[in-house]
Amino acid sequence: MLGARRLCVMTCTFCTAIASALLAQHSKVEATWLHRYVPALNERKHDLSSTTCHYRPIFDAGGAENTLQTVTRFAEVTLDSGGRCQTVHYDREEEIYFILKGSAGLRYGDAAYPMRTNDFTYLAAGTKHSIANDSKDDVQVLVMGFKIPPTVSIAAPSPTPKIVNVAELTEQTVEGHPTSVLYKLLIGPRTAKRDAINDAYVVVDFFLMDFAPGGTNSPHHHEAAEEIYLVLAGEGEMVAGGGMDGIEGRHPAKAGDAYYFRQNCTVGFYNQNKPGANAHILAVRAKVQLPKDDD
């Protein structure tokens, strides 16, 4: 009887070990970086979707992956001629809209504001907003959302949005970065003064990079921020992650490629080294909350 009981215990222990091993084999490991080719992505329903407002997620916290942390959405929205998106508002999310193509009307609060290609704006948490297309051509908008932690105090939003066009800004070098890439600083934190719009709580930087032929922003990483690169024009090699030997991982990148980088992931870009090969990348970086040390 004792032998049978011991055999049962051993069998159960063995089964538990097998089950644990199988679970470990099938457990999902969060990616350190993600890649999407925007033209190949499919439309999906969203809060702002309508029959004339088409939401195409590039990176979205509502998708199958749980890799995103502060970023809630990074998506391309297409409005048909005469199209309207649903009105939305998020109590603890800040958003950025960037007009990729066309002319649109931003509804912010109770007023409407015109926006055109390469216009961008910051949308404060808690403010009702929507976007519409009164033109005969399609409009494409890059829509970005970011969670504001509950520990952060949010001030009353501005009654009017600030809308800026990229063409109004001067390219500049950034200290600590190679001179082979020039920056336009679009949106930054409330505590800063260098960006065109300084209203953000968790967005550290929203910027446009112009790479000279053979230019690079040098592979690097951010310990407390996640980042997204969207290639608008040109092609080269995107740096995403790397091996234990210290050699960065390089991946072919062209217009329409988007890369998400988790904190501490190596990130960078090498442009083609041939005459006239300029590349333009739109990038956004947002703070992530790090686990607190129990000690």
C-alpha atoms as a PDB file:
ATOM      1  CA  MET A   1       0.000   0.000   0.000  1.00  0.00           C
ATOM      2  CA  LEU A   2       2.828   2.390   0.894  1.00  0.00           C
ATOM      3  CA  GLY A   3       4.596   1.570  -2.382  1.00  0.00           C
ATOM      4  CA  ALA A   4       1.463   2.334  -4.383  1.00  0.00           C
ATOM      5  CA  ARG A   5       1.036   5.688  -2.587  1.00  0.00           C
ATOM      6  CA  ARG A   6       4.692   6.581  -3.233  1.00  0.00           C
ATOM      7  CA  LEU A   7       4.287   5.635  -6.920  1.00  0.00           C
ATOM      8  CA  CYS A   8       1.187   7.866  -7.142  1.00  0.00           C
ATOM      9  CA  VAL A   9       3.076  10.827  -5.638  1.00  0.00           C
ATOM     10  CA  MET A  10       6.001  10.285  -8.017  1.00  0.00           C
ATOM     11  CA  THR A  11       3.616  10.019 -10.971  1.00  0.00           C
ATOM     12  CA  CYS A  12       1.812  13.239 -10.012  1.00  0.00           C
ATOM     13  CA  THR A  13       5.134  15.032  -9.547  1.00  0.00           C
ATOM     14  CA  PHE A  14       6.287  13.812 -12.955  1.00  0.00           C
ATOM     15  CA  CYS A  15       2.997  14.947 -14.567  1.00  0.00           C
ATOM     16  CA  THR A  16       3.293  18.370 -12.925  1.00  0.00           C
ATOM     17  CA  ALA A  17       6.849  18.704 -14.237  1.00  0.00           C
ATOM     18  CA  ILE A  18       5.732  17.770 -17.761  1.00  0.00           C
ATOM     19  CA  ALA A  19       2.825  20.229 -17.589  1.00  0.00           C
ATOM     20  CA  SER A  20       5.141  23.015 -16.404  1.00  0.00           C
ATOM     21  CA  ALA A  21       7.594  22.266 -19.193  1.00  0.00           C
ATOM     22  CA  LEU A  22       4.826  22.330 -21.815  1.00  0.00           C
ATOM     23  CA  LEU A  23       3.499  25.608 -20.399  1.00  0.00           C
ATOM     24  CA  ALA A  24       6.977  27.126 -20.533  1.00  0.00           C
ATOM     25  CA  GLN A  25       7.329  26.031 -24.149  1.00  0.00           C
ATOM     26  CA  HIS A  26       4.092  27.772 -25.109  1.00  0.00           C
ATOM     27  CA  SER A  27       4.400  30.877 -22.911  1.00  0.00           C
ATOM     28  CA  LYS A  28       4.702  34.065 -24.934  1.00  0.00           C
ATOM     29  CA  VAL A  29       7.851  36.141 -24.642  1.00  0.00           C
ATOM     30  CA  GLU A  30       7.338  39.862 -25.147  1.00  0.00           C
ATOM     31  CA  ALA A  31       9.232  41.176 -28.134  1.00  0.00           C
ATOM     32  CA  THR A  32      11.995  43.726 -27.691  1.00  0.00           C
ATOM     33  CA  TRP A  33      11.144  45.216 -31.097  1.00  0.00           C
ATOM     34  CA  LEU A  34       8.385  44.933 -33.688  1.00  0.00           C
ATOM     35  CA  HIS A  35       8.218  45.621 -37.421  1.00  0.00           C
ATOM     36  CA  ARG A  36       5.250  46.506 -39.631  1.00  0.00           C
ATOM     37  CA  TYR A  37       4.976  47.438 -43.313  1.00  0.00           C
ATOM     38  CA  VAL A  38       2.133  49.943 -43.288  1.00  0.00           C
ATOM     39  CA  PRO A  39       0.740  49.423 -46.843  1.00  0.00           C
ATOM     40  CA  ALA A  40       0.217  45.717 -46.075  1.00  0.00           C
ATOM     41  CA  LEU A  41      -1.832  46.261 -42.904  1.00  0.00           C
ATOM     42  CA  ASN A  42      -5.576  45.729 -42.626  1.00  0.00           C
ATOM     43  CA  GLU A  43      -8.314  48.033 -41.363  1.00  0.00           C
ATOM     44  CA  ARG A  44      -9.827  47.392 -37.932  1.00  0.00           C
ATOM     45  CA  LYS A  45     -12.707  48.843 -35.964  1.00  0.00           C
ATOM     46  CA  HIS A  46     -11.825  51.482 -33.388  1.00  0.00           C
ATOM     47  CA  ASP A  47     -13.498  54.135 -31.227  1.00  0.00           C
ATOM     48  CA  LEU A  48     -13.112  56.709 -33.988  1.00  0.00           C
ATOM     49  CA  SER A  49     -14.068  54.409 -36.893  1.00  0.00           C
ATOM     50  CA  SER A  50     -17.041  55.078 -39.151  1.00  0.00           C
ATOM     51  CA  THR A  51     -18.100  53.986 -42.637  1.00  0.00           C
ATOM     52  CA  THR A  52     -15.976  56.832 -44.020  1.00  0.00           C
ATOM     53  CA  CYS A  53     -13.177  56.824 -41.412  1.00  0.00           C
ATOM     54  CA  HIS A  54     -10.877  53.828 -41.685  1.00  0.00           C
ATOM     55  CA  TYR A  55      -8.513  52.903 -38.849  1.00  0.00           C
ATOM     56  CA  ARG A  56      -5.432  50.858 -39.716  1.00  0.00           C
ATOM     57  CA  PRO A  57      -3.390  49.963 -36.617  1.00  0.00           C
ATOM     58  CA  ILE A  58       0.374  49.905 -36.997  1.00  0.00           C
ATOM     59  CA  PHE A  59       1.105  49.289 -33.317  1.00  0.00           C
ATOM     60  CA  ASP A  60      -1.913  49.082 -31.029  1.00  0.00           C
ATOM     61  CA  ALA A  61      -2.341  48.051 -27.398  1.00  0.00           C
ATOM     62  CA  GLY A  62      -5.761  46.658 -28.337  1.00  0.00           C
ATOM     63  CA  GLY A  63      -4.176  44.099 -30.665  1.00  0.00           C
ATOM     64  CA  ALA A  64      -2.951  40.570 -30.019  1.00  0.00           C
ATOM     65  CA  GLU A  65       0.425  41.675 -28.637  1.00  0.00           C
ATOM     66  CA  ASN A  66       0.969  43.067 -25.148  1.00  0.00           C
ATOM     67  CA  THR A  67       4.412  44.491 -25.871  1.00  0.00           C
ATOM     68  CA  LEU A  68       3.366  48.155 -25.830  1.00  0.00           C
ATOM     69  CA  GLN A  69       3.607  49.908 -22.486  1.00  0.00           C
ATOM     70  CA  THR A  70       2.917  53.657 -22.592  1.00  0.00           C
ATOM     71  CA  VAL A  71       1.902  53.687 -26.260  1.00  0.00           C
ATOM     72  CA  THR A  72      -1.796  52.840 -26.683  1.00  0.00           C
ATOM     73  CA  ARG A  73      -1.987  53.338 -30.447  1.00  0.00           C
ATOM     74  CA  PHE A  74       0.141  54.269 -33.421  1.00  0.00           C
ATOM     75  CA  ALA A  75      -2.109  54.070 -36.444  1.00  0.00           C
ATOM     76  CA  GLU A  76      -2.909  55.419 -39.875  1.00  0.00           C
ATOM     77  CA  VAL A  77      -6.429  56.749 -40.352  1.00  0.00           C
ATOM     78  CA  THR A  78      -7.835  57.322 -43.842  1.00  0.00           C
ATOM     79  CA  LEU A  79     -10.863  59.548 -44.384  1.00  0.00           C
ATOM     80  CA  ASP A  80     -12.886  59.239 -47.578  1.00  0.00           C
ATOM     81  CA  SER A  81     -13.979  62.371 -49.409  1.00  0.00           C
ATOM     82  CA  GLY A  82     -16.582  63.964 -47.136  1.00  0.00           C
ATOM     83  CA  GLY A  83     -15.651  61.477 -44.408  1.00  0.00           C
ATOM     84  CA  ARG A  84     -16.052  61.939 -40.666  1.00  0.00           C
ATOM     85  CA  CYS A  85     -14.469  60.139 -37.732  1.00  0.00           C
ATOM     86  CA  GLN A  86     -16.347  59.526 -34.489  1.00  0.00           C
ATOM     87  CA  THR A  87     -15.798  61.969 -31.636  1.00  0.00           C
ATOM     88  CA  VAL A  88     -13.516  60.518 -28.960  1.00  0.00           C
ATOM     89  CA  HIS A  89     -11.930  61.555 -25.710  1.00  0.00           C
ATOM     90  CA  TYR A  90      -9.617  59.802 -23.264  1.00  0.00           C
ATOM     91  CA  ASP A  91      -9.412  60.941 -19.661  1.00  0.00           C
ATOM     92  CA  ARG A  92      -5.822  59.810 -19.109  1.00  0.00           C
ATOM     93  CA  GLU A  93      -4.326  59.678 -22.583  1.00  0.00           C
ATOM     94  CA  GLU A  94      -2.545  62.343 -24.587  1.00  0.00           C
ATOM     95  CA  GLU A  95      -2.587  62.145 -28.360  1.00  0.00           C
ATOM     96  CA  ILE A  96      -0.736  63.449 -31.395  1.00  0.00           C
ATOM     97  CA  TYR A  97      -2.251  63.874 -34.858  1.00  0.00           C
ATOM     98  CA  PHE A  98       0.023  64.287 -37.888  1.00  0.00           C
ATOM     99  CA  ILE A  99      -1.473  64.887 -41.345  1.00  0.00           C
ATOM    100  CA  LEU A 100       0.339  62.641 -43.790  1.00  0.00           C
ATOM    101  CA  LYS A 101      -1.715  63.676 -46.820  1.00  0.00           C
ATOM    102  CA  GLY A 102      -4.577  66.034 -47.643  1.00  0.00           C
ATOM    103  CA  SER A 103      -6.567  68.760 -45.909  1.00  0.00           C
ATOM    104  CA  ALA A 104      -8.715  68.030 -42.880  1.00  0.00           C
ATOM    105  CA  GLY A 105     -10.798  69.770 -40.250  1.00  0.00           C
ATOM    106  CA  LEU A 106      -9.936  69.077 -36.611  1.00  0.00           C
ATOM    107  CA  ARG A 107     -12.812  69.385 -34.189  1.00  0.00           C
ATOM    108  CA  TYR A 108     -11.378  70.231 -30.762  1.00  0.00           C
ATOM    109  CA  GLY A 109     -13.892  70.940 -28.040  1.00  0.00           C
ATOM    110  CA  ASP A 110     -16.613  73.073 -29.615  1.00  0.00           C
ATOM    111  CA  ALA A 111     -14.570  74.624 -32.428  1.00  0.00           C
ATOM    112  CA  ALA A 112     -13.093  73.495 -35.765  1.00  0.00           C
ATOM    113  CA  TYR A 113      -9.539  74.090 -36.989  1.00  0.00           C
ATOM    114  CA  PRO A 114      -8.127  73.474 -40.484  1.00  0.00           C
ATOM    115  CA  MET A 115      -5.145  71.158 -40.911  1.00  0.00           C
ATOM    116  CA  ARG A 116      -3.102  70.368 -44.023  1.00  0.00           C
ATOM    117  CA  THR A 117      -0.334  68.012 -45.114  1.00  0.00           C
ATOM    118  CA  ASN A 118       2.558  67.940 -42.605  1.00  0.00           C
ATOM    119  CA  ASP A 119       0.548  69.759 -39.922  1.00  0.00           C
ATOM    120  CA  PHE A 120       0.733  68.259 -36.444  1.00  0.00           C
ATOM    121  CA  THR A 121      -0.993  68.957 -33.144  1.00  0.00           C
ATOM    122  CA  TYR A 122      -1.085  67.835 -29.519  1.00  0.00           C
ATOM    123  CA  LEU A 123      -4.455  66.708 -28.139  1.00  0.00           C
ATOM    124  CA  ALA A 124      -4.785  67.065 -24.383  1.00  0.00           C
ATOM    125  CA  ALA A 125      -6.220  64.327 -22.175  1.00  0.00           C
ATOM    126  CA  GLY A 126      -9.946  64.672 -21.525  1.00  0.00           C
ATOM    127  CA  THR A 127     -10.661  66.879 -24.549  1.00  0.00           C
ATOM    128  CA  LYS A 128     -13.327  65.762 -27.009  1.00  0.00           C
ATOM    129  CA  HIS A 129     -12.029  65.733 -30.561  1.00  0.00           C
ATOM    130  CA  SER A 130     -12.641  64.337 -34.027  1.00  0.00           C
ATOM    131  CA  ILE A 131     -11.417  64.889 -37.551  1.00  0.00           C
ATOM    132  CA  ALA A 132     -13.238  65.320 -40.856  1.00  0.00           C
ATOM    133  CA  ASN A 133     -12.515  65.587 -44.571  1.00  0.00           C
ATOM    134  CA  ASP A 134     -14.434  68.212 -46.537  1.00  0.00           C
ATOM    135  CA  SER A 135     -12.257  67.881 -49.643  1.00  0.00           C
ATOM    136  CA  LYS A 136     -12.638  65.727 -52.755  1.00  0.00           C
ATOM    137  CA  ASP A 137      -9.473  63.748 -52.019  1.00  0.00           C
ATOM    138  CA  ASP A 138      -8.655  61.178 -49.353  1.00  0.00           C
ATOM    139  CA  VAL A 139      -6.944  62.327 -46.169  1.00  0.00           C
ATOM    140  CA  GLN A 140      -4.382  60.266 -44.268  1.00  0.00           C
ATOM    141  CA  VAL A 141      -3.677  60.994 -40.608  1.00  0.00           C
ATOM    142  CA  LEU A 142      -1.126  59.439 -38.283  1.00  0.00           C
ATOM    143  CA  VAL A 143      -2.850  58.986 -34.912  1.00  0.00           C
ATOM    144  CA  MET A 144      -0.798  58.365 -31.764  1.00  0.00           C
ATOM    145  CA  GLY A 145      -1.967  57.793 -28.196  1.00  0.00           C
ATOM    146  CA  PHE A 146      -0.068  57.532 -24.899  1.00  0.00           C
ATOM    147  CA  LYS A 147      -1.171  56.530 -21.375  1.00  0.00           C
ATOM    148  CA  ILE A 148      -0.610  59.040 -18.592  1.00  0.00           C
ATOM    149  CA  PRO A 149       0.082  57.208 -15.283  1.00  0.00           C
ATOM    150  CA  PRO A 150      -2.450  57.766 -12.468  1.00  0.00           C
ATOM    151  CA  THR A 151       0.352  59.215 -10.315  1.00  0.00           C
ATOM    152  CA  VAL A 152       0.769  62.139 -12.724  1.00  0.00           C
ATOM    153  CA  SER A 153      -1.338  65.230 -12.031  1.00  0.00           C
ATOM    154  CA  ILE A 154      -2.990  66.585 -15.189  1.00  0.00           C
ATOM    155  CA  ALA A 155      -3.621  70.304 -15.564  1.00  0.00           C
ATOM    156  CA  ALA A 156      -6.667  71.753 -17.307  1.00  0.00           C
ATOM    157  CA  PRO A 157      -6.250  71.423 -21.086  1.00  0.00           C
ATOM    158  CA  SER A 158      -5.706  74.412 -23.324  1.00  0.00           C
ATOM    159  CA  PRO A 159      -9.011  75.694 -24.762  1.00  0.00           C
ATOM    160  CA  THR A 160      -7.448  75.739 -28.256  1.00  0.00           C
ATOM    161  CA  PRO A 161      -4.972  73.364 -29.909  1.00  0.00           C
ATOM    162  CA  LYS A 162      -1.654  74.539 -31.262  1.00  0.00           C
ATOM    163  CA  ILE A 163      -1.247  73.450 -34.877  1.00  0.00           C
ATOM    164  CA  VAL A 164       2.195  73.672 -36.507  1.00  0.00           C
ATOM    165  CA  ASN A 165       3.459  72.738 -39.964  1.00  0.00           C
ATOM    166  CA  VAL A 166       6.788  70.948 -40.360  1.00  0.00           C
ATOM    167  CA  ALA A 167       7.836  73.463 -43.032  1.00  0.00           C
ATOM    168  CA  GLU A 168       7.784  76.236 -40.409  1.00  0.00           C
ATOM    169  CA  LEU A 169      10.572  74.598 -38.416  1.00  0.00           C
ATOM    170  CA  THR A 170      14.317  74.834 -38.935  1.00  0.00           C
ATOM    171  CA  GLU A 171      16.475  71.734 -39.155  1.00  0.00           C
ATOM    172  CA  GLN A 172      19.158  71.502 -36.498  1.00  0.00           C
ATOM    173  CA  THR A 173      21.752  69.201 -35.089  1.00  0.00           C
ATOM    174  CA  VAL A 174      21.248  67.712 -31.637  1.00  0.00           C
ATOM    175  CA  GLU A 175      24.070  67.583 -29.129  1.00  0.00           C
ATOM    176  CA  GLY A 176      25.578  64.134 -28.762  1.00  0.00           C
ATOM    177  CA  HIS A 177      24.354  62.977 -32.191  1.00  0.00           C
ATOM    178  CA  PRO A 178      26.236  62.859 -35.514  1.00  0.00           C
ATOM    179  CA  THR A 179      25.926  65.885 -37.791  1.00  0.00           C
ATOM    180  CA  SER A 180      24.956  63.594 -40.679  1.00  0.00           C
ATOM    181  CA  VAL A 181      21.345  63.723 -39.437  1.00  0.00           C
ATOM    182  CA  LEU A 182      19.333  66.910 -38.924  1.00  0.00           C
ATOM    183  CA  TYR A 183      16.319  67.171 -36.653  1.00  0.00           C
ATOM    184  CA  LYS A 184      13.059  69.053 -36.561  1.00  0.00           C
ATOM    185  CA  LEU A 185      11.790  69.025 -32.978  1.00  0.00           C
ATOM    186  CA  LEU A 186       8.001  68.821 -33.098  1.00  0.00           C
ATOM    187  CA  ILE A 187       6.552  67.996 -29.664  1.00  0.00           C
ATOM    188  CA  GLY A 188       8.154  67.604 -26.254  1.00  0.00           C
ATOM    189  CA  PRO A 189       7.422  67.647 -22.506  1.00  0.00           C
ATOM    190  CA  ARG A 190       5.789  70.482 -20.594  1.00  0.00           C
ATOM    191  CA  THR A 191       9.023  71.124 -18.748  1.00  0.00           C
ATOM    192  CA  ALA A 192      10.971  71.813 -21.973  1.00  0.00           C
ATOM    193  CA  LYS A 193      11.159  74.823 -24.290  1.00  0.00           C
ATOM    194  CA  ARG A 194      13.047  73.595 -27.356  1.00  0.00           C
ATOM    195  CA  ASP A 195      10.172  71.949 -29.283  1.00  0.00           C
ATOM    196  CA  ALA A 196       7.505  73.556 -31.447  1.00  0.00           C
ATOM    197  CA  ILE A 197       4.885  72.343 -28.956  1.00  0.00           C
ATOM    198  CA  ASN A 198       5.801  71.673 -25.317  1.00  0.00           C
ATOM    199  CA  ASP A 199       2.654  70.311 -23.684  1.00  0.00           C
ATOM    200  CA  ALA A 200       3.266  66.584 -23.183  1.00  0.00           C
ATOM    201  CA  TYR A 201       3.292  64.549 -19.975  1.00  0.00           C
ATOM    202  CA  VAL A 202       4.775  61.246 -21.165  1.00  0.00           C
ATOM    203  CA  VAL A 203       5.907  62.008 -24.724  1.00  0.00           C
ATOM    204  CA  VAL A 204       9.614  62.752 -24.427  1.00  0.00           C
ATOM    205  CA  ASP A 205      10.201  63.592 -28.094  1.00  0.00           C
ATOM    206  CA  PHE A 206       8.277  63.701 -31.348  1.00  0.00           C
ATOM    207  CA  PHE A 207      10.677  64.613 -34.131  1.00  0.00           C
ATOM    208  CA  LEU A 208      11.555  64.343 -37.812  1.00  0.00           C
ATOM    209  CA  MET A 209      15.008  63.140 -38.900  1.00  0.00           C
ATOM    210  CA  ASP A 210      16.647  64.060 -42.214  1.00  0.00           C
ATOM    211  CA  PHE A 211      19.559  61.720 -42.993  1.00  0.00           C
ATOM    212  CA  ALA A 212      22.279  62.819 -45.403  1.00  0.00           C
ATOM    213  CA  PRO A 213      23.703  60.188 -47.776  1.00  0.00           C
ATOM    214  CA  GLY A 214      25.690  57.765 -45.623  1.00  0.00           C
ATOM    215  CA  GLY A 215      24.270  59.383 -42.485  1.00  0.00           C
ATOM    216  CA  THR A 216      23.409  57.683 -39.199  1.00  0.00           C
ATOM    217  CA  ASN A 217      22.039  58.597 -35.795  1.00  0.00           C
ATOM    218  CA  SER A 218      24.350  55.970 -34.236  1.00  0.00           C
ATOM    219  CA  PRO A 219      22.886  52.878 -32.533  1.00  0.00           C
ATOM    220  CA  HIS A 220      21.817  53.601 -28.960  1.00  0.00           C
ATOM    221  CA  HIS A 221      19.169  52.650 -26.412  1.00  0.00           C
ATOM    222  CA  HIS A 222      16.854  54.299 -23.884  1.00  0.00           C
ATOM    223  CA  GLU A 223      16.563  52.805 -20.413  1.00  0.00           C
ATOM    224  CA  ALA A 224      13.179  54.306 -19.551  1.00  0.00           C
ATOM    225  CA  ALA A 225      11.460  54.983 -22.879  1.00  0.00           C
ATOM    226  CA  GLU A 226       9.915  53.120 -25.799  1.00  0.00           C
ATOM    227  CA  GLU A 227      10.268  54.476 -29.308  1.00  0.00           C
ATOM    228  CA  ILE A 228       8.714  54.166 -32.777  1.00  0.00           C
ATOM    229  CA  TYR A 229      10.322  54.976 -36.133  1.00  0.00           C
ATOM    230  CA  LEU A 230       8.248  55.422 -39.307  1.00  0.00           C
ATOM    231  CA  VAL A 231      10.206  55.703 -42.567  1.00  0.00           C
ATOM    232  CA  LEU A 232       8.556  58.416 -44.680  1.00  0.00           C
ATOM    233  CA  ALA A 233      11.083  58.483 -47.539  1.00  0.00           C
ATOM    234  CA  GLY A 234      14.312  56.808 -48.591  1.00  0.00           C
ATOM    235  CA  GLU A 235      15.772  53.484 -47.591  1.00  0.00           C
ATOM    236  CA  GLY A 236      18.627  52.073 -45.610  1.00  0.00           C
ATOM    237  CA  GLU A 237      19.244  49.729 -42.686  1.00  0.00           C
ATOM    238  CA  MET A 238      17.244  49.919 -39.481  1.00  0.00           C
ATOM    239  CA  VAL A 239      19.041  48.893 -36.312  1.00  0.00           C
ATOM    240  CA  ALA A 240      16.796  46.862 -34.027  1.00  0.00           C
ATOM    241  CA  GLY A 241      18.320  44.872 -31.208  1.00  0.00           C
ATOM    242  CA  GLY A 242      21.587  42.975 -31.437  1.00  0.00           C
ATOM    243  CA  GLY A 243      23.552  40.009 -30.216  1.00  0.00           C
ATOM    244  CA  MET A 244      25.656  39.329 -27.146  1.00  0.00           C
ATOM    245  CA  ASP A 245      28.743  40.072 -29.227  1.00  0.00           C
ATOM    246  CA  GLY A 246      27.779  43.757 -29.261  1.00  0.00           C
ATOM    247  CA  ILE A 247      27.024  43.804 -33.000  1.00  0.00           C
ATOM    248  CA  GLU A 248      23.757  45.555 -33.738  1.00  0.00           C
ATOM    249  CA  GLY A 249      21.028  43.821 -35.718  1.00  0.00           C
ATOM    250  CA  ARG A 250      20.519  45.490 -39.112  1.00  0.00           C
ATOM    251  CA  HIS A 251      17.343  45.138 -41.153  1.00  0.00           C
ATOM    252  CA  PRO A 252      16.472  46.557 -44.604  1.00  0.00           C
ATOM    253  CA  ALA A 253      14.110  49.519 -44.280  1.00  0.00           C
ATOM    254  CA  LYS A 254      12.204  51.539 -46.852  1.00  0.00           C
ATOM    255  CA  ALA A 255       9.341  54.027 -46.995  1.00  0.00           C
ATOM    256  CA  GLY A 256       6.315  52.561 -45.218  1.00  0.00           C
ATOM    257  CA  ASP A 257       8.329  50.501 -42.733  1.00  0.00           C
ATOM    258  CA  ALA A 258       7.566  51.110 -39.061  1.00  0.00           C
ATOM    259  CA  TYR A 259       9.601  49.820 -36.126  1.00  0.00           C
ATOM    260  CA  TYR A 260       8.700  49.724 -32.442  1.00  0.00           C
ATOM    261  CA  PHE A 261      11.536  49.549 -29.874  1.00  0.00           C
ATOM    262  CA  ARG A 262      10.987  48.517 -26.269  1.00  0.00           C
ATOM    263  CA  GLN A 263      13.104  50.209 -23.586  1.00  0.00           C
ATOM    264  CA  ASN A 264      16.770  49.127 -23.583  1.00  0.00           C
ATOM    265  CA  CYS A 265      16.458  47.813 -27.146  1.00  0.00           C
ATOM    266  CA  THR A 266      19.227  48.988 -29.478  1.00  0.00           C
ATOM    267  CA  VAL A 267      17.840  51.443 -32.049  1.00  0.00           C
ATOM    268  CA  GLY A 268      19.401  53.338 -34.936  1.00  0.00           C
ATOM    269  CA  PHE A 269      19.447  53.865 -38.695  1.00  0.00           C
ATOM    270  CA  TYR A 270      22.090  53.772 -41.444  1.00  0.00           C
ATOM    271  CA  ASN A 271      21.207  55.637 -44.626  1.00  0.00           C
ATOM    272  CA  GLN A 272      22.390  54.592 -48.074  1.00  0.00           C
ATOM    273  CA  ASN A 273      25.757  56.038 -48.983  1.00  0.00           C
ATOM    274  CA  LYS A 274      25.166  57.313 -52.496  1.00  0.00           C
ATOM    275  CA  PRO A 275      24.491  60.762 -54.011  1.00  0.00           C
ATOM    276  CA  GLY A 276      21.006  62.156 -53.405  1.00  0.00           C
ATOM    277  CA  ALA A 277      20.033  59.340 -51.027  1.00  0.00           C
ATOM    278  CA  ASN A 278      18.365  61.387 -48.304  1.00  0.00           C
ATOM    279  CA  ALA A 279      16.035  59.551 -45.924  1.00  0.00           C
ATOM    280  CA  HIS A 280      13.310  60.960 -43.677  1.00  0.00           C
ATOM    281  CA  ILE A 281      12.070  59.225 -40.520  1.00  0.00           C
ATOM    282  CA  LEU A 282       9.317  60.377 -38.195  1.00  0.00           C
ATOM    283  CA  ALA A 283       9.972  59.239 -34.634  1.00  0.00           C
ATOM    284  CA  VAL A 284       8.212  59.398 -31.272  1.00  0.00           C
ATOM    285  CA  ARG A 285       9.570  58.443 -27.860  1.00  0.00           C
ATOM    286  CA  ALA A 286       7.510  58.059 -24.668  1.00  0.00           C
ATOM    287  CA  LYS A 287       8.452  57.415 -21.034  1.00  0.00           C
ATOM    288  CA  VAL A 288       7.674  54.058 -19.458  1.00  0.00           C
ATOM    289  CA  GLN A 289       7.197  53.382 -15.768  1.00  0.00           C
ATOM    290  CA  LEU A 290       9.944  51.155 -14.434  1.00  0.00           C
ATOM    291  CA  PRO A 291       9.252  48.613 -11.639  1.00  0.00           C
ATOM    292  CA  LYS A 292      10.075  49.988  -8.227  1.00  0.00           C
ATOM    293  CA  ASP A 293      12.887  48.403  -6.262  1.00  0.00           C
ATOM    294  CA  ASP A 294      11.404  46.506  -3.302  1.00  0.00           C
ATOM    295  CA  ASP A 295      14.396  47.515  -1.223  1.00  0.00           C
END
